Protein backbone atom coordinates (compact mmCIF):
# COMPACT_ATOMS: atom_id res chain seq x y z
CA MET A 1 50.03 28.69 45.48
CA ALA A 2 47.83 29.40 48.24
CA THR A 3 49.20 31.91 50.78
CA ASN A 4 50.01 30.61 54.17
CA VAL A 5 49.24 32.60 57.06
CA LEU A 6 49.66 32.60 60.80
CA ALA A 7 47.67 32.58 64.02
CA LEU A 8 49.12 33.51 66.65
CA VAL A 9 46.65 33.58 70.39
CA GLY A 10 46.90 35.78 72.78
CA SER A 11 44.94 33.88 74.99
CA LEU A 12 46.15 30.11 76.45
CA ARG A 13 42.65 29.93 78.59
CA ASN A 14 40.57 26.03 77.53
CA GLY A 15 38.17 26.90 75.39
CA SER A 16 39.11 30.75 74.60
CA HIS A 17 36.72 31.76 72.03
CA ASN A 18 39.73 33.77 70.30
CA ALA A 19 41.29 29.79 70.61
CA GLN A 20 37.83 29.45 68.07
CA LEU A 21 38.37 32.36 66.63
CA ALA A 22 41.69 30.97 65.03
CA ASP A 23 40.15 27.18 64.15
CA ALA A 24 37.56 29.58 62.83
CA ALA A 25 39.43 30.90 60.49
CA VAL A 26 41.72 27.54 59.93
CA ALA A 27 38.30 25.58 58.91
CA THR A 28 36.60 28.44 56.69
CA ALA A 29 39.59 30.23 54.98
CA PRO A 30 38.98 32.11 51.53
CA GLU A 31 40.09 29.65 47.94
CA GLY A 32 43.79 30.37 48.48
CA VAL A 33 44.91 30.99 51.95
CA GLU A 34 45.41 28.69 54.19
CA VAL A 35 46.15 29.33 58.04
CA SER A 36 47.59 27.78 60.48
CA VAL A 37 48.20 28.47 64.73
CA PHE A 38 50.94 28.20 66.13
CA LYS A 39 51.20 26.28 69.05
CA GLY A 40 53.36 27.52 72.47
CA LEU A 41 53.68 30.66 72.58
CA GLU A 42 53.28 29.70 76.47
CA ASN A 43 56.49 28.52 76.51
CA ILE A 44 58.27 31.40 75.17
CA PRO A 45 60.53 33.48 77.69
CA PHE A 46 60.10 36.74 78.20
CA TYR A 47 62.25 38.57 75.99
CA ASN A 48 65.54 39.50 77.04
CA GLU A 49 68.33 40.61 74.64
CA ASP A 50 71.15 38.98 76.60
CA ILE A 51 69.56 35.37 75.84
CA ASP A 52 68.61 36.58 72.24
CA ILE A 53 72.06 35.33 71.29
CA GLU A 54 72.58 34.40 68.01
CA GLY A 55 73.52 30.59 68.35
CA GLN A 56 71.93 30.03 71.13
CA VAL A 57 68.61 31.21 70.75
CA PRO A 58 65.18 29.68 73.17
CA ALA A 59 64.64 26.81 71.13
CA ALA A 60 60.26 28.39 71.79
CA ALA A 61 61.31 31.45 70.45
CA ALA A 62 63.50 30.11 67.64
CA GLU A 63 60.71 28.11 66.52
CA LEU A 64 58.02 31.28 66.32
CA ARG A 65 60.51 33.20 63.96
CA ALA A 66 61.20 29.86 61.57
CA ALA A 67 57.48 29.74 61.87
CA ALA A 68 56.96 33.15 61.04
CA ALA A 69 59.66 33.33 58.17
CA ASP A 70 57.55 30.42 56.49
CA ALA A 71 54.64 32.19 56.76
CA ASP A 72 53.39 35.27 53.54
CA ALA A 73 51.24 36.61 56.33
CA LEU A 74 50.41 37.19 59.97
CA LEU A 75 47.32 37.26 61.41
CA PHE A 76 47.45 38.21 65.49
CA VAL A 77 43.81 37.04 67.49
CA SER A 78 43.44 38.70 70.87
CA PRO A 79 41.37 38.99 73.34
CA GLU A 80 41.48 42.33 75.97
CA TYR A 81 42.86 41.85 79.07
CA ASN A 82 42.54 44.98 81.79
CA GLY A 83 42.35 47.01 78.74
CA THR A 84 44.94 46.05 76.45
CA THR A 85 47.17 43.63 74.62
CA PRO A 86 47.37 39.78 76.96
CA ALA A 87 51.58 39.91 77.55
CA VAL A 88 51.89 36.21 76.07
CA LEU A 89 50.68 37.79 72.02
CA ASN A 90 52.98 41.36 72.63
CA ASN A 91 56.14 38.99 74.30
CA ALA A 92 55.54 36.67 70.86
CA ILE A 93 55.70 40.14 68.87
CA ASP A 94 59.15 41.23 71.15
CA TRP A 95 60.26 38.32 70.11
CA LEU A 96 59.52 38.47 65.96
CA SER A 97 60.97 42.09 66.52
CA ARG A 98 64.18 41.53 66.27
CA PRO A 99 66.66 41.92 64.82
CA PHE A 100 65.78 44.69 64.30
CA GLY A 101 64.63 45.69 60.20
CA ALA A 102 65.96 42.11 59.06
CA SER A 103 63.22 40.71 61.11
CA ALA A 104 60.63 38.21 60.12
CA ALA A 105 57.67 40.43 60.89
CA SER A 106 59.37 43.03 58.86
CA GLY A 107 57.06 44.24 56.07
CA MET A 108 54.87 41.27 56.90
CA PRO A 109 51.19 41.49 55.75
CA THR A 110 49.67 41.24 59.59
CA ALA A 111 46.22 41.76 60.58
CA VAL A 112 44.85 41.76 63.93
CA ILE A 113 41.59 40.41 65.49
CA GLY A 114 39.66 38.94 68.03
CA THR A 115 36.63 38.77 70.60
CA ALA A 116 35.45 40.14 73.94
CA TYR A 117 33.26 40.03 76.98
CA GLY A 118 32.93 43.33 75.94
CA GLN A 119 30.93 45.71 74.16
CA PHE A 120 33.79 46.29 72.01
CA GLY A 121 34.81 43.15 71.07
CA GLY A 122 38.66 44.11 72.24
CA VAL A 123 38.98 46.70 69.81
CA TRP A 124 41.90 48.12 72.68
CA ALA A 125 44.45 46.01 73.32
CA GLN A 126 43.92 44.35 68.84
CA ASP A 127 44.64 48.74 68.49
CA GLU A 128 47.62 47.80 71.07
CA ALA A 129 49.02 44.66 68.69
CA ARG A 130 48.49 46.70 65.77
CA LYS A 131 50.54 49.76 67.19
CA SER A 132 53.33 47.24 68.64
CA ALA A 133 53.34 45.52 65.20
CA GLY A 134 53.70 48.35 62.89
CA ILE A 135 57.11 49.60 65.41
CA ALA A 136 58.20 46.39 65.49
CA GLY A 137 58.46 46.60 61.70
CA ALA A 138 55.17 44.87 60.12
CA ASN A 139 53.03 46.16 57.36
CA VAL A 140 49.91 46.68 59.57
CA LEU A 141 46.62 46.06 57.13
CA GLU A 142 44.30 49.10 58.79
CA ASP A 143 41.38 47.63 56.74
CA ALA A 144 41.57 44.10 57.95
CA LYS A 145 39.49 44.19 61.19
CA LEU A 146 37.06 42.13 63.30
CA SER A 147 36.60 42.85 66.65
CA ILE A 148 33.94 41.44 68.33
CA PRO A 149 31.48 42.01 71.23
CA ASN A 150 30.22 39.69 73.84
CA SER A 151 31.64 36.87 73.04
CA VAL A 152 30.49 35.19 75.78
CA GLY A 153 26.71 35.12 74.80
CA ARG A 154 27.71 35.17 71.06
CA PHE A 155 29.57 32.10 71.32
CA ALA A 156 27.98 30.31 74.48
CA GLU A 157 26.20 27.63 71.56
CA THR A 158 28.21 28.38 69.13
CA HIS A 159 31.28 28.27 67.39
CA PRO A 160 32.86 31.07 65.46
CA LYS A 161 32.83 28.43 61.93
CA ASP A 162 28.66 28.04 62.68
CA ASP A 163 28.77 31.81 62.94
CA ALA A 164 27.45 33.18 59.00
CA GLU A 165 28.32 37.00 60.32
CA VAL A 166 31.66 36.25 61.55
CA VAL A 167 32.83 34.07 58.53
CA ALA A 168 32.07 36.27 56.48
CA GLN A 169 34.09 39.14 58.05
CA LEU A 170 36.64 36.19 59.00
CA GLN A 171 37.07 35.90 54.77
CA ASP A 172 37.14 39.16 54.32
CA VAL A 173 40.78 39.88 56.58
CA LEU A 174 41.53 36.75 54.79
CA GLY A 175 41.42 37.43 51.57
CA LYS A 176 43.28 41.43 52.70
CA LEU A 177 46.44 39.54 54.26
CA ARG A 178 46.20 37.22 50.38
CA ALA A 179 45.59 40.47 48.61
CA ALA A 180 48.47 42.42 50.86
CA ALA A 181 50.62 39.15 50.62
CA GLU A 182 50.33 38.60 46.77
CA SER A 183 51.81 42.37 45.96
CA ASN A 184 54.61 42.33 48.48
């Protein structure tokens, strides 16, 4: 039985290198791992406890929670916006954090990866996403990291799925998620 990994991409831009990185995870996942990319983060309203009422949760947020509940692990793919995590990804983490202590993210093996234009590959944003996910109750795998710098140059003519180094690193992260999910 395969480990199901749900990927959430923090960039909504068409042609996003982070979306391509998530697509590479889908296409090159190691044996025993299936990755699916959640579509529709842009449709989820900003988290507000006033609208997070059982039986009345906005449909897009309910879909996210259901997809996470059906997954064995989470993979956040984050660019860096002004030195931090994009609002759309942080909002998804906020929705996944509730109800606190009994949420779909609670104890869920989680890894954060990404690529960015700068020389550090978005590590600040990824560190913030790890922090937020951990506070939300996820089991953040600190040894499952991938930060790819210079995305504009590196992926100008090569899709991440065609970059052998990136594929090997993706498979390592996904393998660690699988191992954590199997030990859960």
